[in-house]
Amino acid sequence: MTKFGELINSKKPILLDFYKENGNYIENQEDILRDVAAALGDRAKVVKIDIEKNQVLTDALRIKGYPTYIIYVKGEMKWRQSGEQNANTLISLVKIYS
């Protein structure tokens, strides 16, 4: 959890993607996240977190569905949504907080 705390305390927005590797994770979601990261450049950070490999964190954040996206800025959760999102939506949301 200490590393997670350090990660989300960034001044830049952090977009977290909680996913399940062996679930019904849409293949193009990885491409979408790559596009989001490329479009945002150094204005934000995009991080994928496998819910099965990070069960303690998943439980602490009460992640029930996947994918679940969360945006943090300076340690504060600014936005959270479960379900598929397109690149333009994610880019627009992160830009609000950058």
PDB file of N, CA and C in Angstrom:
ATOM      1  N   MET A   1       0.818  -1.201   0.000  1.00  0.00           N
ATOM      2  CA  MET A   1       0.000   0.000   0.000  1.00  0.00           C
ATOM      3  C   MET A   1       0.856   1.257   0.000  1.00  0.00           C
ATOM      4  N   THR A   2       2.060   1.175   0.556  1.00  0.00           N
ATOM      5  CA  THR A   2       2.922   2.347   0.587  1.00  0.00           C
ATOM      6  C   THR A   2       3.243   2.806  -0.826  1.00  0.00           C
ATOM      7  N   LYS A   3       3.562   1.878  -1.709  1.00  0.00           N
ATOM      8  CA  LYS A   3       3.859   2.240  -3.094  1.00  0.00           C
ATOM      9  C   LYS A   3       2.632   2.851  -3.756  1.00  0.00           C
ATOM     10  N   PHE A   4       1.462   2.330  -3.446  1.00  0.00           N
ATOM     11  CA  PHE A   4       0.232   2.885  -4.012  1.00  0.00           C
ATOM     12  C   PHE A   4       0.041   4.321  -3.534  1.00  0.00           C
ATOM     13  N   GLY A   5       0.276   4.564  -2.272  1.00  0.00           N
ATOM     14  CA  GLY A   5       0.160   5.918  -1.730  1.00  0.00           C
ATOM     15  C   GLY A   5       1.101   6.884  -2.414  1.00  0.00           C
ATOM     16  N   GLU A   6       2.326   6.436  -2.663  1.00  0.00           N
ATOM     17  CA  GLU A   6       3.286   7.272  -3.371  1.00  0.00           C
ATOM     18  C   GLU A   6       2.823   7.539  -4.795  1.00  0.00           C
ATOM     19  N   LEU A   7       2.277   6.526  -5.444  1.00  0.00           N
ATOM     20  CA  LEU A   7       1.809   6.657  -6.820  1.00  0.00           C
ATOM     21  C   LEU A   7       0.696   7.694  -6.940  1.00  0.00           C
ATOM     22  N   ILE A   8      -0.314   7.599  -6.086  1.00  0.00           N
ATOM     23  CA  ILE A   8      -1.481   8.479  -6.235  1.00  0.00           C
ATOM     24  C   ILE A   8      -1.250   9.878  -5.691  1.00  0.00           C
ATOM     25  N   ASN A   9      -0.161  10.115  -4.975  1.00  0.00           N
ATOM     26  CA  ASN A   9       0.122  11.447  -4.447  1.00  0.00           C
ATOM     27  C   ASN A   9       0.799  12.357  -5.453  1.00  0.00           C
ATOM     28  N   SER A  10       0.895  11.933  -6.675  1.00  0.00           N
ATOM     29  CA  SER A  10       1.504  12.732  -7.733  1.00  0.00           C
ATOM     30  C   SER A  10       0.684  13.999  -7.999  1.00  0.00           C
ATOM     31  N   LYS A  11       1.361  15.059  -8.390  1.00  0.00           N
ATOM     32  CA  LYS A  11       0.670  16.291  -8.770  1.00  0.00           C
ATOM     33  C   LYS A  11      -0.019  16.119 -10.119  1.00  0.00           C
ATOM     34  N   LYS A  12       0.517  15.216 -10.925  1.00  0.00           N
ATOM     35  CA  LYS A  12      -0.091  14.915 -12.223  1.00  0.00           C
ATOM     36  C   LYS A  12      -1.209  13.895 -12.011  1.00  0.00           C
ATOM     37  N   PRO A  13      -2.254  13.959 -12.833  1.00  0.00           N
ATOM     38  CA  PRO A  13      -3.319  12.953 -12.720  1.00  0.00           C
ATOM     39  C   PRO A  13      -2.789  11.544 -12.983  1.00  0.00           C
ATOM     40  N   ILE A  14      -3.326  10.597 -12.253  1.00  0.00           N
ATOM     41  CA  ILE A  14      -3.012   9.182 -12.422  1.00  0.00           C
ATOM     42  C   ILE A  14      -4.309   8.484 -12.813  1.00  0.00           C
ATOM     43  N   LEU A  15      -4.321   7.865 -13.992  1.00  0.00           N
ATOM     44  CA  LEU A  15      -5.470   7.074 -14.434  1.00  0.00           C
ATOM     45  C   LEU A  15      -5.154   5.615 -14.159  1.00  0.00           C
ATOM     46  N   LEU A  16      -5.924   5.014 -13.274  1.00  0.00           N
ATOM     47  CA  LEU A  16      -5.751   3.602 -12.935  1.00  0.00           C
ATOM     48  C   LEU A  16      -6.789   2.778 -13.673  1.00  0.00           C
ATOM     49  N   ASP A  17      -6.357   1.682 -14.254  1.00  0.00           N
ATOM     50  CA  ASP A  17      -7.242   0.734 -14.924  1.00  0.00           C
ATOM     51  C   ASP A  17      -7.156  -0.577 -14.164  1.00  0.00           C
ATOM     52  N   PHE A  18      -8.198  -0.886 -13.405  1.00  0.00           N
ATOM     53  CA  PHE A  18      -8.273  -2.163 -12.694  1.00  0.00           C
ATOM     54  C   PHE A  18      -8.925  -3.162 -13.638  1.00  0.00           C
ATOM     55  N   TYR A  19      -8.194  -4.203 -13.987  1.00  0.00           N
ATOM     56  CA  TYR A  19      -8.669  -5.181 -14.958  1.00  0.00           C
ATOM     57  C   TYR A  19      -8.401  -6.595 -14.450  1.00  0.00           C
ATOM     58  N   LYS A  20      -8.967  -7.564 -15.140  1.00  0.00           N
ATOM     59  CA  LYS A  20      -8.746  -8.969 -14.812  1.00  0.00           C
ATOM     60  C   LYS A  20      -8.121  -9.625 -16.032  1.00  0.00           C
ATOM     61  N   GLU A  21      -6.901 -10.090 -15.864  1.00  0.00           N
ATOM     62  CA  GLU A  21      -6.122 -10.647 -16.982  1.00  0.00           C
ATOM     63  C   GLU A  21      -6.854 -11.780 -17.692  1.00  0.00           C
ATOM     64  N   ASN A  22      -7.411 -12.697 -16.933  1.00  0.00           N
ATOM     65  CA  ASN A  22      -8.050 -13.865 -17.538  1.00  0.00           C
ATOM     66  C   ASN A  22      -9.561 -13.730 -17.634  1.00  0.00           C
ATOM     67  N   GLY A  23     -10.049 -12.524 -17.543  1.00  0.00           N
ATOM     68  CA  GLY A  23     -11.492 -12.302 -17.615  1.00  0.00           C
ATOM     69  C   GLY A  23     -11.896 -11.922 -19.020  1.00  0.00           C
ATOM     70  N   ASN A  24     -13.028 -11.267 -19.104  1.00  0.00           N
ATOM     71  CA  ASN A  24     -13.522 -10.859 -20.416  1.00  0.00           C
ATOM     72  C   ASN A  24     -13.020  -9.459 -20.756  1.00  0.00           C
ATOM     73  N   TYR A  25     -11.759  -9.216 -20.422  1.00  0.00           N
ATOM     74  CA  TYR A  25     -11.101  -7.947 -20.714  1.00  0.00           C
ATOM     75  C   TYR A  25     -11.020  -7.788 -22.224  1.00  0.00           C
ATOM     76  N   ILE A  26     -11.581  -6.734 -22.718  1.00  0.00           N
ATOM     77  CA  ILE A  26     -11.621  -6.500 -24.156  1.00  0.00           C
ATOM     78  C   ILE A  26     -10.206  -6.226 -24.665  1.00  0.00           C
ATOM     79  N   GLU A  27      -9.827  -6.958 -25.725  1.00  0.00           N
ATOM     80  CA  GLU A  27      -8.477  -6.810 -26.263  1.00  0.00           C
ATOM     81  C   GLU A  27      -8.165  -5.377 -26.643  1.00  0.00           C
ATOM     82  N   ASN A  28      -9.148  -4.665 -27.187  1.00  0.00           N
ATOM     83  CA  ASN A  28      -8.857  -3.307 -27.630  1.00  0.00           C
ATOM     84  C   ASN A  28      -8.720  -2.332 -26.468  1.00  0.00           C
ATOM     85  N   GLN A  29      -9.056  -2.740 -25.244  1.00  0.00           N
ATOM     86  CA  GLN A  29      -8.872  -1.859 -24.089  1.00  0.00           C
ATOM     87  C   GLN A  29      -7.388  -1.538 -23.906  1.00  0.00           C
ATOM     88  N   GLU A  30      -6.531  -2.496 -24.178  1.00  0.00           N
ATOM     89  CA  GLU A  30      -5.096  -2.237 -24.073  1.00  0.00           C
ATOM     90  C   GLU A  30      -4.670  -1.202 -25.108  1.00  0.00           C
ATOM     91  N   ASP A  31      -5.208  -1.318 -26.317  1.00  0.00           N
ATOM     92  CA  ASP A  31      -4.918  -0.323 -27.358  1.00  0.00           C
ATOM     93  C   ASP A  31      -5.461   1.049 -26.961  1.00  0.00           C
ATOM     94  N   ILE A  32      -6.631   1.058 -26.360  1.00  0.00           N
ATOM     95  CA  ILE A  32      -7.236   2.309 -25.912  1.00  0.00           C
ATOM     96  C   ILE A  32      -6.345   2.978 -24.871  1.00  0.00           C
ATOM     97  N   LEU A  33      -5.859   2.214 -23.908  1.00  0.00           N
ATOM     98  CA  LEU A  33      -4.987   2.778 -22.877  1.00  0.00           C
ATOM     99  C   LEU A  33      -3.674   3.279 -23.467  1.00  0.00           C
ATOM    100  N   ARG A  34      -3.170   2.580 -24.446  1.00  0.00           N
ATOM    101  CA  ARG A  34      -1.944   3.020 -25.118  1.00  0.00           C
ATOM    102  C   ARG A  34      -2.198   4.361 -25.804  1.00  0.00           C
ATOM    103  N   ASP A  35      -3.353   4.491 -26.460  1.00  0.00           N
ATOM    104  CA  ASP A  35      -3.716   5.753 -27.122  1.00  0.00           C
ATOM    105  C   ASP A  35      -3.883   6.883 -26.106  1.00  0.00           C
ATOM    106  N   VAL A  36      -4.489   6.570 -24.978  1.00  0.00           N
ATOM    107  CA  VAL A  36      -4.686   7.573 -23.917  1.00  0.00           C
ATOM    108  C   VAL A  36      -3.330   8.044 -23.408  1.00  0.00           C
ATOM    109  N   ALA A  37      -2.445   7.109 -23.121  1.00  0.00           N
ATOM    110  CA  ALA A  37      -1.114   7.463 -22.616  1.00  0.00           C
ATOM    111  C   ALA A  37      -0.348   8.306 -23.634  1.00  0.00           C
ATOM    112  N   ALA A  38      -0.451   7.943 -24.907  1.00  0.00           N
ATOM    113  CA  ALA A  38       0.250   8.693 -25.954  1.00  0.00           C
ATOM    114  C   ALA A  38      -0.315  10.108 -26.090  1.00  0.00           C
ATOM    115  N   ALA A  39      -1.636  10.223 -26.033  1.00  0.00           N
ATOM    116  CA  ALA A  39      -2.276  11.533 -26.181  1.00  0.00           C
ATOM    117  C   ALA A  39      -1.967  12.458 -25.003  1.00  0.00           C
ATOM    118  N   LEU A  40      -1.848  11.896 -23.820  1.00  0.00           N
ATOM    119  CA  LEU A  40      -1.606  12.712 -22.629  1.00  0.00           C
ATOM    120  C   LEU A  40      -0.130  13.012 -22.411  1.00  0.00           C
ATOM    121  N   GLY A  41       0.731  12.175 -22.959  1.00  0.00           N
ATOM    122  CA  GLY A  41       2.165  12.393 -22.812  1.00  0.00           C
ATOM    123  C   GLY A  41       2.569  12.485 -21.355  1.00  0.00           C
ATOM    124  N   ASP A  42       3.332  13.534 -21.020  1.00  0.00           N
ATOM    125  CA  ASP A  42       3.805  13.671 -19.640  1.00  0.00           C
ATOM    126  C   ASP A  42       2.838  14.456 -18.755  1.00  0.00           C
ATOM    127  N   ARG A  43       1.642  14.741 -19.257  1.00  0.00           N
ATOM    128  CA  ARG A  43       0.635  15.460 -18.462  1.00  0.00           C
ATOM    129  C   ARG A  43      -0.038  14.560 -17.431  1.00  0.00           C
ATOM    130  N   ALA A  44       0.071  13.232 -17.633  1.00  0.00           N
ATOM    131  CA  ALA A  44      -0.587  12.280 -16.731  1.00  0.00           C
ATOM    132  C   ALA A  44       0.107  10.929 -16.854  1.00  0.00           C
ATOM    133  N   LYS A  45      -0.254  10.043 -15.946  1.00  0.00           N
ATOM    134  CA  LYS A  45       0.285   8.686 -15.970  1.00  0.00           C
ATOM    135  C   LYS A  45      -0.873   7.704 -16.042  1.00  0.00           C
ATOM    136  N   VAL A  46      -0.697   6.653 -16.844  1.00  0.00           N
ATOM    137  CA  VAL A  46      -1.701   5.604 -16.982  1.00  0.00           C
ATOM    138  C   VAL A  46      -1.107   4.315 -16.421  1.00  0.00           C
ATOM    139  N   VAL A  47      -1.839   3.682 -15.484  1.00  0.00           N
ATOM    140  CA  VAL A  47      -1.341   2.482 -14.817  1.00  0.00           C
ATOM    141  C   VAL A  47      -2.409   1.399 -14.852  1.00  0.00           C
ATOM    142  N   LYS A  48      -2.009   0.193 -15.308  1.00  0.00           N
ATOM    143  CA  LYS A  48      -2.900  -0.963 -15.299  1.00  0.00           C
ATOM    144  C   LYS A  48      -2.633  -1.766 -14.036  1.00  0.00           C
ATOM    145  N   ILE A  49      -3.706  -2.207 -13.374  1.00  0.00           N
ATOM    146  CA  ILE A  49      -3.569  -3.002 -12.154  1.00  0.00           C
ATOM    147  C   ILE A  49      -4.447  -4.245 -12.280  1.00  0.00           C
ATOM    148  N   ASP A  50      -3.818  -5.407 -12.276  1.00  0.00           N
ATOM    149  CA  ASP A  50      -4.526  -6.682 -12.363  1.00  0.00           C
ATOM    150  C   ASP A  50      -5.180  -6.950 -11.006  1.00  0.00           C
ATOM    151  N   ILE A  51      -6.504  -7.077 -10.997  1.00  0.00           N
ATOM    152  CA  ILE A  51      -7.215  -7.236  -9.728  1.00  0.00           C
ATOM    153  C   ILE A  51      -6.884  -8.549  -9.030  1.00  0.00           C
ATOM    154  N   GLU A  52      -6.512  -9.569  -9.788  1.00  0.00           N
ATOM    155  CA  GLU A  52      -6.185 -10.853  -9.166  1.00  0.00           C
ATOM    156  C   GLU A  52      -4.807 -10.844  -8.520  1.00  0.00           C
ATOM    157  N   LYS A  53      -3.893 -10.050  -9.034  1.00  0.00           N
ATOM    158  CA  LYS A  53      -2.539  -9.977  -8.485  1.00  0.00           C
ATOM    159  C   LYS A  53      -2.427  -8.918  -7.394  1.00  0.00           C
ATOM    160  N   ASN A  54      -3.455  -8.104  -7.234  1.00  0.00           N
ATOM    161  CA  ASN A  54      -3.447  -7.013  -6.258  1.00  0.00           C
ATOM    162  C   ASN A  54      -4.734  -7.036  -5.432  1.00  0.00           C
ATOM    163  N   GLN A  55      -5.025  -8.188  -4.850  1.00  0.00           N
ATOM    164  CA  GLN A  55      -6.283  -8.412  -4.146  1.00  0.00           C
ATOM    165  C   GLN A  55      -6.472  -7.482  -2.950  1.00  0.00           C
ATOM    166  N   VAL A  56      -5.410  -7.207  -2.199  1.00  0.00           N
ATOM    167  CA  VAL A  56      -5.528  -6.345  -1.022  1.00  0.00           C
ATOM    168  C   VAL A  56      -5.968  -4.941  -1.447  1.00  0.00           C
ATOM    169  N   LEU A  57      -5.327  -4.411  -2.472  1.00  0.00           N
ATOM    170  CA  LEU A  57      -5.674  -3.084  -2.975  1.00  0.00           C
ATOM    171  C   LEU A  57      -7.087  -3.083  -3.558  1.00  0.00           C
ATOM    172  N   THR A  58      -7.398  -4.116  -4.329  1.00  0.00           N
ATOM    173  CA  THR A  58      -8.724  -4.243  -4.929  1.00  0.00           C
ATOM    174  C   THR A  58      -9.814  -4.254  -3.859  1.00  0.00           C
ATOM    175  N   ASP A  59      -9.582  -5.000  -2.794  1.00  0.00           N
ATOM    176  CA  ASP A  59     -10.543  -5.055  -1.695  1.00  0.00           C
ATOM    177  C   ASP A  59     -10.638  -3.713  -0.977  1.00  0.00           C
ATOM    178  N   ALA A  60      -9.496  -3.080  -0.746  1.00  0.00           N
ATOM    179  CA  ALA A  60      -9.481  -1.796  -0.036  1.00  0.00           C
ATOM    180  C   ALA A  60     -10.260  -0.727  -0.804  1.00  0.00           C
ATOM    181  N   LEU A  61     -10.192  -0.779  -2.137  1.00  0.00           N
ATOM    182  CA  LEU A  61     -10.897   0.205  -2.969  1.00  0.00           C
ATOM    183  C   LEU A  61     -12.294  -0.264  -3.372  1.00  0.00           C
ATOM    184  N   ARG A  62     -12.647  -1.461  -2.904  1.00  0.00           N
ATOM    185  CA  ARG A  62     -13.961  -2.042  -3.185  1.00  0.00           C
ATOM    186  C   ARG A  62     -14.255  -2.123  -4.691  1.00  0.00           C
ATOM    187  N   ILE A  63     -13.275  -2.636  -5.416  1.00  0.00           N
ATOM    188  CA  ILE A  63     -13.428  -2.832  -6.853  1.00  0.00           C
ATOM    189  C   ILE A  63     -14.277  -4.088  -7.042  1.00  0.00           C
ATOM    190  N   LYS A  64     -15.419  -3.946  -7.655  1.00  0.00           N
ATOM    191  CA  LYS A  64     -16.328  -5.077  -7.852  1.00  0.00           C
ATOM    192  C   LYS A  64     -16.394  -5.503  -9.312  1.00  0.00           C
ATOM    193  N   GLY A  65     -16.343  -4.556 -10.236  1.00  0.00           N
ATOM    194  CA  GLY A  65     -16.432  -4.865 -11.656  1.00  0.00           C
ATOM    195  C   GLY A  65     -15.154  -4.480 -12.366  1.00  0.00           C
ATOM    196  N   TYR A  66     -14.997  -4.992 -13.552  1.00  0.00           N
ATOM    197  CA  TYR A  66     -13.827  -4.648 -14.329  1.00  0.00           C
ATOM    198  C   TYR A  66     -14.186  -4.545 -15.792  1.00  0.00           C
ATOM    199  N   PRO A  67     -13.539  -3.651 -16.494  1.00  0.00           N
ATOM    200  CA  PRO A  67     -12.549  -2.741 -15.945  1.00  0.00           C
ATOM    201  C   PRO A  67     -13.195  -1.663 -15.067  1.00  0.00           C
ATOM    202  N   THR A  68     -12.443  -1.197 -14.098  1.00  0.00           N
ATOM    203  CA  THR A  68     -12.824  -0.034 -13.293  1.00  0.00           C
ATOM    204  C   THR A  68     -11.702   0.981 -13.460  1.00  0.00           C
ATOM    205  N   TYR A  69     -12.087   2.195 -13.802  1.00  0.00           N
ATOM    206  CA  TYR A  69     -11.127   3.280 -13.988  1.00  0.00           C
ATOM    207  C   TYR A  69     -11.269   4.271 -12.840  1.00  0.00           C
ATOM    208  N   ILE A  70     -10.118   4.734 -12.340  1.00  0.00           N
ATOM    209  CA  ILE A  70     -10.112   5.726 -11.271  1.00  0.00           C
ATOM    210  C   ILE A  70      -9.056   6.775 -11.616  1.00  0.00           C
ATOM    211  N   ILE A  71      -9.396   8.039 -11.421  1.00  0.00           N
ATOM    212  CA  ILE A  71      -8.430   9.124 -11.589  1.00  0.00           C
ATOM    213  C   ILE A  71      -8.132   9.704 -10.214  1.00  0.00           C
ATOM    214  N   TYR A  72      -6.835   9.764  -9.883  1.00  0.00           N
ATOM    215  CA  TYR A  72      -6.365  10.387  -8.653  1.00  0.00           C
ATOM    216  C   TYR A  72      -5.506  11.599  -8.996  1.00  0.00           C
ATOM    217  N   VAL A  73      -5.603  12.632  -8.172  1.00  0.00           N
ATOM    218  CA  VAL A  73      -4.706  13.779  -8.247  1.00  0.00           C
ATOM    219  C   VAL A  73      -4.349  14.160  -6.817  1.00  0.00           C
ATOM    220  N   LYS A  74      -3.054  14.238  -6.538  1.00  0.00           N
ATOM    221  CA  LYS A  74      -2.566  14.598  -5.202  1.00  0.00           C
ATOM    222  C   LYS A  74      -3.201  13.749  -4.103  1.00  0.00           C
ATOM    223  N   GLY A  75      -3.372  12.461  -4.371  1.00  0.00           N
ATOM    224  CA  GLY A  75      -3.891  11.536  -3.382  1.00  0.00           C
ATOM    225  C   GLY A  75      -5.396  11.520  -3.234  1.00  0.00           C
ATOM    226  N   GLU A  76      -6.088  12.338  -4.016  1.00  0.00           N
ATOM    227  CA  GLU A  76      -7.547  12.424  -3.910  1.00  0.00           C
ATOM    228  C   GLU A  76      -8.211  11.815  -5.139  1.00  0.00           C
ATOM    229  N   MET A  77      -9.173  10.923  -4.891  1.00  0.00           N
ATOM    230  CA  MET A  77      -9.926  10.329  -5.986  1.00  0.00           C
ATOM    231  C   MET A  77     -10.838  11.402  -6.593  1.00  0.00           C
ATOM    232  N   LYS A  78     -10.680  11.612  -7.893  1.00  0.00           N
ATOM    233  CA  LYS A  78     -11.460  12.646  -8.583  1.00  0.00           C
ATOM    234  C   LYS A  78     -12.597  12.061  -9.409  1.00  0.00           C
ATOM    235  N   TRP A  79     -12.420  10.847  -9.896  1.00  0.00           N
ATOM    236  CA  TRP A  79     -13.410  10.228 -10.776  1.00  0.00           C
ATOM    237  C   TRP A  79     -13.237   8.717 -10.716  1.00  0.00           C
ATOM    238  N   ARG A  80     -14.369   8.011 -10.835  1.00  0.00           N
ATOM    239  CA  ARG A  80     -14.349   6.542 -10.813  1.00  0.00           C
ATOM    240  C   ARG A  80     -15.519   6.028 -11.644  1.00  0.00           C
ATOM    241  N   GLN A  81     -15.250   4.998 -12.450  1.00  0.00           N
ATOM    242  CA  GLN A  81     -16.305   4.424 -13.280  1.00  0.00           C
ATOM    243  C   GLN A  81     -15.943   2.985 -13.627  1.00  0.00           C
ATOM    244  N   SER A  82     -16.902   2.101 -13.535  1.00  0.00           N
ATOM    245  CA  SER A  82     -16.710   0.718 -13.977  1.00  0.00           C
ATOM    246  C   SER A  82     -17.320   0.556 -15.357  1.00  0.00           C
ATOM    247  N   GLY A  83     -16.726  -0.317 -16.145  1.00  0.00           N
ATOM    248  CA  GLY A  83     -17.225  -0.574 -17.490  1.00  0.00           C
ATOM    249  C   GLY A  83     -16.285  -0.001 -18.540  1.00  0.00           C
ATOM    250  N   GLU A  84     -16.470  -0.466 -19.750  1.00  0.00           N
ATOM    251  CA  GLU A  84     -15.616  -0.036 -20.853  1.00  0.00           C
ATOM    252  C   GLU A  84     -15.761   1.460 -21.110  1.00  0.00           C
ATOM    253  N   GLN A  85     -14.651   2.081 -21.458  1.00  0.00           N
ATOM    254  CA  GLN A  85     -14.621   3.500 -21.806  1.00  0.00           C
ATOM    255  C   GLN A  85     -13.820   3.635 -23.092  1.00  0.00           C
ATOM    256  N   ASN A  86     -14.156   4.630 -23.903  1.00  0.00           N
ATOM    257  CA  ASN A  86     -13.357   4.837 -25.104  1.00  0.00           C
ATOM    258  C   ASN A  86     -12.228   5.817 -24.821  1.00  0.00           C
ATOM    259  N   ALA A  87     -11.266   5.865 -25.721  1.00  0.00           N
ATOM    260  CA  ALA A  87     -10.067   6.686 -25.514  1.00  0.00           C
ATOM    261  C   ALA A  87     -10.413   8.159 -25.356  1.00  0.00           C
ATOM    262  N   ASN A  88     -11.296   8.688 -26.202  1.00  0.00           N
ATOM    263  CA  ASN A  88     -11.627  10.117 -26.136  1.00  0.00           C
ATOM    264  C   ASN A  88     -12.247  10.497 -24.797  1.00  0.00           C
ATOM    265  N   THR A  89     -13.093   9.647 -24.266  1.00  0.00           N
ATOM    266  CA  THR A  89     -13.701   9.911 -22.966  1.00  0.00           C
ATOM    267  C   THR A  89     -12.639   9.969 -21.877  1.00  0.00           C
ATOM    268  N   LEU A  90     -11.749   8.978 -21.861  1.00  0.00           N
ATOM    269  CA  LEU A  90     -10.709   8.930 -20.842  1.00  0.00           C
ATOM    270  C   LEU A  90      -9.752  10.111 -20.965  1.00  0.00           C
ATOM    271  N   ILE A  91      -9.375  10.447 -22.184  1.00  0.00           N
ATOM    272  CA  ILE A  91      -8.479  11.587 -22.408  1.00  0.00           C
ATOM    273  C   ILE A  91      -9.127  12.869 -21.907  1.00  0.00           C
ATOM    274  N   SER A  92     -10.389  13.088 -22.255  1.00  0.00           N
ATOM    275  CA  SER A  92     -11.099  14.295 -21.825  1.00  0.00           C
ATOM    276  C   SER A  92     -11.193  14.387 -20.315  1.00  0.00           C
ATOM    277  N   LEU A  93     -11.491  13.278 -19.678  1.00  0.00           N
ATOM    278  CA  LEU A  93     -11.613  13.267 -18.219  1.00  0.00           C
ATOM    279  C   LEU A  93     -10.278  13.580 -17.527  1.00  0.00           C
ATOM    280  N   VAL A  94      -9.219  12.968 -18.008  1.00  0.00           N
ATOM    281  CA  VAL A  94      -7.921  13.215 -17.394  1.00  0.00           C
ATOM    282  C   VAL A  94      -7.491  14.666 -17.612  1.00  0.00           C
ATOM    283  N   LYS A  95      -7.761  15.218 -18.795  1.00  0.00           N
ATOM    284  CA  LYS A  95      -7.387  16.603 -19.089  1.00  0.00           C
ATOM    285  C   LYS A  95      -8.073  17.591 -18.144  1.00  0.00           C
ATOM    286  N   ILE A  96      -9.248  17.264 -17.676  1.00  0.00           N
ATOM    287  CA  ILE A  96      -9.953  18.138 -16.723  1.00  0.00           C
ATOM    288  C   ILE A  96      -9.092  18.360 -15.486  1.00  0.00           C
ATOM    289  N   TYR A  97      -8.342  17.346 -15.085  1.00  0.00           N
ATOM    290  CA  TYR A  97      -7.596  17.403 -13.833  1.00  0.00           C
ATOM    291  C   TYR A  97      -6.096  17.691 -14.029  1.00  0.00           C
ATOM    292  N   SER A  98      -5.670  17.909 -15.282  1.00  0.00           N
ATOM    293  CA  SER A  98      -4.230  18.165 -15.506  1.00  0.00           C
ATOM    294  C   SER A  98      -3.940  19.640 -15.660  1.00  0.00           C
TER     295      SER A  98
END
